[in-house]
Every structure is written in structure tokens, then in C-alpha cells.
Amino acid sequence: MRTSKLKSFRLQKGFSQHELAEKVGVAQNSIVYWESGRSMPNLIKAEKLAAILDISITEIIDHFKTVLSKEENENGAKSAGNVAN
């Protein structure tokens, strides 16, 4: 499995999920969900995350665009497979 962009940024800064969560002011599960694309931070948390990771808010948005695109492609393939059956 490919490492998410958000996880890569976190690892480049040397933060564990727990450490990053403390810095952002969220539970560790939030970081897990954000990295996997299961949920997204609100704008205030996204800005704080970008500042802590020393990246632009655009890079945060790109992470979620990539994750959502991937999910849409996978769901589209599953739906197409279901139609064929």
C-alpha cells in the first residue's frame, strides 16, 4: 500500500501520530482518519496542520483530493462490476 501524502509529510517532520495530534489539538484517531481519508479536518485544523508540517494548505487539500479520487475510482469499478452481474 502506498503511503499517503499526509503521512509522508508527518514522517518527514519526525512526528508520530500521537505527537502530531497533540500539536494540532486533536485525538490521535483524527490523524489516523485524516491520513487514510476516512475524514477531513475542518479549515482551522487544516491550517494548523499545514503550519506544523511546514506545508501549504494547498498540499493538505491535494492530499484529500487524491484520496477522494482514489475512492471514487474504486467505487466506480465496484459499481460497474455489480451492474455486469
N, C-alpha and C. Protein backbone atom coordinates (compact mmCIF):
# COMPACT_ATOMS: atom_id res chain seq x y z
N MET A 1 0.84 -1.18 0.00
CA MET A 1 0.00 0.00 0.00
C MET A 1 0.88 1.25 0.00
N ARG A 2 0.49 2.22 -0.78
CA ARG A 2 1.25 3.45 -0.89
C ARG A 2 1.01 4.35 0.32
N THR A 3 2.05 4.97 0.80
CA THR A 3 1.93 5.89 1.94
C THR A 3 1.21 7.16 1.49
N SER A 4 0.28 7.62 2.32
CA SER A 4 -0.46 8.84 1.97
C SER A 4 0.47 10.05 2.02
N LYS A 5 0.08 11.09 1.29
CA LYS A 5 0.88 12.32 1.29
C LYS A 5 0.98 12.90 2.69
N LEU A 6 -0.14 12.89 3.39
CA LEU A 6 -0.16 13.46 4.73
C LEU A 6 0.77 12.69 5.67
N LYS A 7 0.76 11.38 5.55
CA LYS A 7 1.66 10.56 6.37
C LYS A 7 3.12 10.86 6.02
N SER A 8 3.40 11.01 4.74
CA SER A 8 4.76 11.33 4.31
C SER A 8 5.24 12.64 4.90
N PHE A 9 4.36 13.66 4.87
CA PHE A 9 4.72 14.96 5.45
C PHE A 9 4.99 14.82 6.95
N ARG A 10 4.14 14.05 7.63
CA ARG A 10 4.31 13.84 9.08
C ARG A 10 5.64 13.15 9.37
N LEU A 11 5.94 12.11 8.61
CA LEU A 11 7.18 11.35 8.83
C LEU A 11 8.41 12.19 8.51
N GLN A 12 8.32 13.05 7.50
CA GLN A 12 9.45 13.93 7.17
C GLN A 12 9.79 14.85 8.33
N LYS A 13 8.78 15.24 9.09
CA LYS A 13 9.00 16.10 10.25
C LYS A 13 9.37 15.29 11.49
N GLY A 14 9.30 13.96 11.40
CA GLY A 14 9.69 13.10 12.51
C GLY A 14 8.66 12.98 13.62
N PHE A 15 7.39 13.25 13.29
CA PHE A 15 6.33 13.16 14.29
C PHE A 15 5.64 11.82 14.26
N SER A 16 5.32 11.30 15.43
CA SER A 16 4.41 10.16 15.50
C SER A 16 3.00 10.71 15.33
N GLN A 17 2.03 9.84 15.12
CA GLN A 17 0.65 10.30 15.03
C GLN A 17 0.23 10.97 16.34
N HIS A 18 0.65 10.39 17.45
CA HIS A 18 0.32 10.95 18.76
C HIS A 18 0.89 12.35 18.94
N GLU A 19 2.16 12.53 18.57
CA GLU A 19 2.81 13.84 18.70
C GLU A 19 2.12 14.90 17.84
N LEU A 20 1.80 14.53 16.61
CA LEU A 20 1.14 15.47 15.72
C LEU A 20 -0.25 15.82 16.24
N ALA A 21 -0.95 14.82 16.74
CA ALA A 21 -2.28 15.05 17.29
C ALA A 21 -2.22 16.06 18.44
N GLU A 22 -1.24 15.91 19.31
CA GLU A 22 -1.09 16.85 20.43
C GLU A 22 -0.83 18.26 19.94
N LYS A 23 0.01 18.39 18.92
CA LYS A 23 0.34 19.71 18.39
C LYS A 23 -0.86 20.37 17.72
N VAL A 24 -1.68 19.57 17.04
CA VAL A 24 -2.85 20.10 16.34
C VAL A 24 -4.01 20.33 17.32
N GLY A 25 -4.00 19.55 18.41
CA GLY A 25 -5.07 19.68 19.40
C GLY A 25 -6.25 18.77 19.12
N VAL A 26 -5.94 17.57 18.61
CA VAL A 26 -6.99 16.59 18.30
C VAL A 26 -6.58 15.23 18.88
N ALA A 27 -7.51 14.29 18.84
CA ALA A 27 -7.21 12.93 19.26
C ALA A 27 -6.35 12.25 18.19
N GLN A 28 -5.57 11.27 18.60
CA GLN A 28 -4.73 10.54 17.66
C GLN A 28 -5.56 9.90 16.55
N ASN A 29 -6.76 9.45 16.88
CA ASN A 29 -7.63 8.85 15.86
C ASN A 29 -7.92 9.81 14.72
N SER A 30 -7.97 11.09 15.02
CA SER A 30 -8.20 12.08 13.95
C SER A 30 -7.08 12.02 12.93
N ILE A 31 -5.84 11.92 13.40
CA ILE A 31 -4.70 11.83 12.48
C ILE A 31 -4.80 10.56 11.65
N VAL A 32 -5.15 9.45 12.29
CA VAL A 32 -5.32 8.17 11.58
C VAL A 32 -6.37 8.33 10.48
N TYR A 33 -7.50 8.93 10.82
CA TYR A 33 -8.59 9.11 9.86
C TYR A 33 -8.20 10.07 8.74
N TRP A 34 -7.49 11.15 9.09
CA TRP A 34 -7.08 12.10 8.06
C TRP A 34 -6.09 11.47 7.10
N GLU A 35 -5.13 10.71 7.63
CA GLU A 35 -4.14 10.07 6.75
C GLU A 35 -4.78 9.05 5.82
N SER A 36 -5.79 8.36 6.30
CA SER A 36 -6.45 7.34 5.48
C SER A 36 -7.54 7.92 4.60
N GLY A 37 -7.93 9.17 4.86
CA GLY A 37 -9.00 9.79 4.08
C GLY A 37 -10.39 9.45 4.59
N ARG A 38 -10.47 8.82 5.76
CA ARG A 38 -11.78 8.47 6.32
C ARG A 38 -12.53 9.69 6.81
N SER A 39 -11.81 10.76 7.12
CA SER A 39 -12.41 12.04 7.47
C SER A 39 -11.43 13.15 7.12
N MET A 40 -11.92 14.38 7.18
CA MET A 40 -11.09 15.53 6.86
C MET A 40 -11.14 16.54 8.01
N PRO A 41 -10.06 17.27 8.21
CA PRO A 41 -10.08 18.29 9.26
C PRO A 41 -10.91 19.49 8.82
N ASN A 42 -11.43 20.23 9.79
CA ASN A 42 -12.08 21.49 9.43
C ASN A 42 -11.00 22.47 8.99
N LEU A 43 -11.41 23.61 8.50
CA LEU A 43 -10.45 24.57 7.94
C LEU A 43 -9.43 25.05 8.98
N ILE A 44 -9.89 25.30 10.20
CA ILE A 44 -8.97 25.77 11.25
C ILE A 44 -7.91 24.71 11.54
N LYS A 45 -8.33 23.45 11.66
CA LYS A 45 -7.37 22.36 11.94
C LYS A 45 -6.46 22.13 10.74
N ALA A 46 -7.00 22.26 9.53
CA ALA A 46 -6.18 22.08 8.32
C ALA A 46 -5.10 23.15 8.25
N GLU A 47 -5.44 24.39 8.59
CA GLU A 47 -4.45 25.46 8.59
C GLU A 47 -3.38 25.20 9.64
N LYS A 48 -3.80 24.75 10.81
CA LYS A 48 -2.84 24.46 11.88
C LYS A 48 -1.94 23.29 11.47
N LEU A 49 -2.52 22.27 10.87
CA LEU A 49 -1.77 21.11 10.39
C LEU A 49 -0.72 21.53 9.37
N ALA A 50 -1.13 22.37 8.42
CA ALA A 50 -0.20 22.85 7.39
C ALA A 50 0.95 23.63 8.02
N ALA A 51 0.64 24.48 8.99
CA ALA A 51 1.69 25.27 9.65
C ALA A 51 2.67 24.37 10.40
N ILE A 52 2.15 23.38 11.12
CA ILE A 52 3.00 22.48 11.90
C ILE A 52 3.90 21.64 10.98
N LEU A 53 3.33 21.19 9.87
CA LEU A 53 4.09 20.36 8.93
C LEU A 53 4.92 21.19 7.96
N ASP A 54 4.78 22.52 8.04
CA ASP A 54 5.51 23.44 7.17
C ASP A 54 5.21 23.17 5.70
N ILE A 55 3.92 23.03 5.42
CA ILE A 55 3.46 22.83 4.04
C ILE A 55 2.32 23.81 3.79
N SER A 56 1.92 23.93 2.54
CA SER A 56 0.83 24.85 2.22
C SER A 56 -0.52 24.17 2.44
N ILE A 57 -1.53 24.99 2.61
CA ILE A 57 -2.89 24.45 2.73
C ILE A 57 -3.27 23.73 1.44
N THR A 58 -2.72 24.17 0.33
CA THR A 58 -2.97 23.51 -0.96
C THR A 58 -2.50 22.06 -0.93
N GLU A 59 -1.37 21.81 -0.28
CA GLU A 59 -0.87 20.43 -0.18
C GLU A 59 -1.80 19.57 0.67
N ILE A 60 -2.41 20.16 1.69
CA ILE A 60 -3.39 19.44 2.50
C ILE A 60 -4.59 19.09 1.63
N ILE A 61 -5.08 20.08 0.89
CA ILE A 61 -6.23 19.86 0.01
C ILE A 61 -5.91 18.81 -1.04
N ASP A 62 -4.72 18.88 -1.63
CA ASP A 62 -4.32 17.89 -2.64
C ASP A 62 -4.32 16.48 -2.08
N HIS A 63 -3.91 16.33 -0.81
CA HIS A 63 -3.95 15.00 -0.17
C HIS A 63 -5.36 14.45 -0.22
N PHE A 64 -6.33 15.27 0.19
CA PHE A 64 -7.71 14.79 0.25
C PHE A 64 -8.31 14.61 -1.15
N LYS A 65 -7.91 15.43 -2.11
CA LYS A 65 -8.38 15.25 -3.49
C LYS A 65 -7.91 13.90 -4.02
N THR A 66 -6.65 13.57 -3.74
CA THR A 66 -6.08 12.30 -4.18
C THR A 66 -6.82 11.12 -3.55
N VAL A 67 -7.04 11.20 -2.26
CA VAL A 67 -7.73 10.12 -1.54
C VAL A 67 -9.15 9.97 -2.05
N LEU A 68 -9.86 11.08 -2.22
CA LEU A 68 -11.25 11.02 -2.68
C LEU A 68 -11.34 10.51 -4.12
N SER A 69 -10.40 10.91 -4.96
CA SER A 69 -10.36 10.43 -6.35
C SER A 69 -10.18 8.92 -6.39
N LYS A 70 -9.26 8.45 -5.55
CA LYS A 70 -8.97 7.02 -5.49
C LYS A 70 -10.22 6.25 -5.06
N GLU A 71 -10.93 6.77 -4.05
CA GLU A 71 -12.15 6.12 -3.58
C GLU A 71 -13.22 6.11 -4.66
N GLU A 72 -13.37 7.22 -5.37
CA GLU A 72 -14.37 7.29 -6.44
C GLU A 72 -14.05 6.27 -7.53
N ASN A 73 -12.78 6.15 -7.88
CA ASN A 73 -12.38 5.18 -8.90
C ASN A 73 -12.67 3.76 -8.44
N GLU A 74 -12.35 3.47 -7.18
CA GLU A 74 -12.60 2.13 -6.65
C GLU A 74 -14.10 1.84 -6.57
N ASN A 75 -14.88 2.81 -6.12
CA ASN A 75 -16.32 2.63 -6.02
C ASN A 75 -16.96 2.51 -7.39
N GLY A 76 -16.43 3.26 -8.35
CA GLY A 76 -16.93 3.17 -9.72
C GLY A 76 -16.68 1.80 -10.31
N ALA A 77 -15.50 1.25 -10.04
CA ALA A 77 -15.16 -0.09 -10.54
C ALA A 77 -16.05 -1.13 -9.89
N LYS A 78 -16.33 -0.98 -8.59
CA LYS A 78 -17.19 -1.92 -7.89
C LYS A 78 -18.61 -1.82 -8.44
N SER A 79 -19.09 -0.60 -8.68
CA SER A 79 -20.44 -0.41 -9.22
C SER A 79 -20.55 -0.99 -10.61
N ALA A 80 -19.53 -0.78 -11.42
CA ALA A 80 -19.54 -1.33 -12.77
C ALA A 80 -19.55 -2.85 -12.73
N GLY A 81 -18.82 -3.41 -11.79
CA GLY A 81 -18.80 -4.85 -11.62
C GLY A 81 -20.15 -5.38 -11.18
N ASN A 82 -20.84 -4.65 -10.32
CA ASN A 82 -22.16 -5.06 -9.86
C ASN A 82 -23.18 -4.98 -10.97
N VAL A 83 -23.07 -4.01 -11.85
CA VAL A 83 -24.01 -3.87 -12.96
C VAL A 83 -23.84 -5.04 -13.93
N ALA A 84 -22.62 -5.46 -14.15
CA ALA A 84 -22.36 -6.53 -15.09
C ALA A 84 -22.90 -7.87 -14.60
N ASN A 85 -23.03 -8.02 -13.28
CA ASN A 85 -23.50 -9.29 -12.74
C ASN A 85 -24.94 -9.44 -12.91
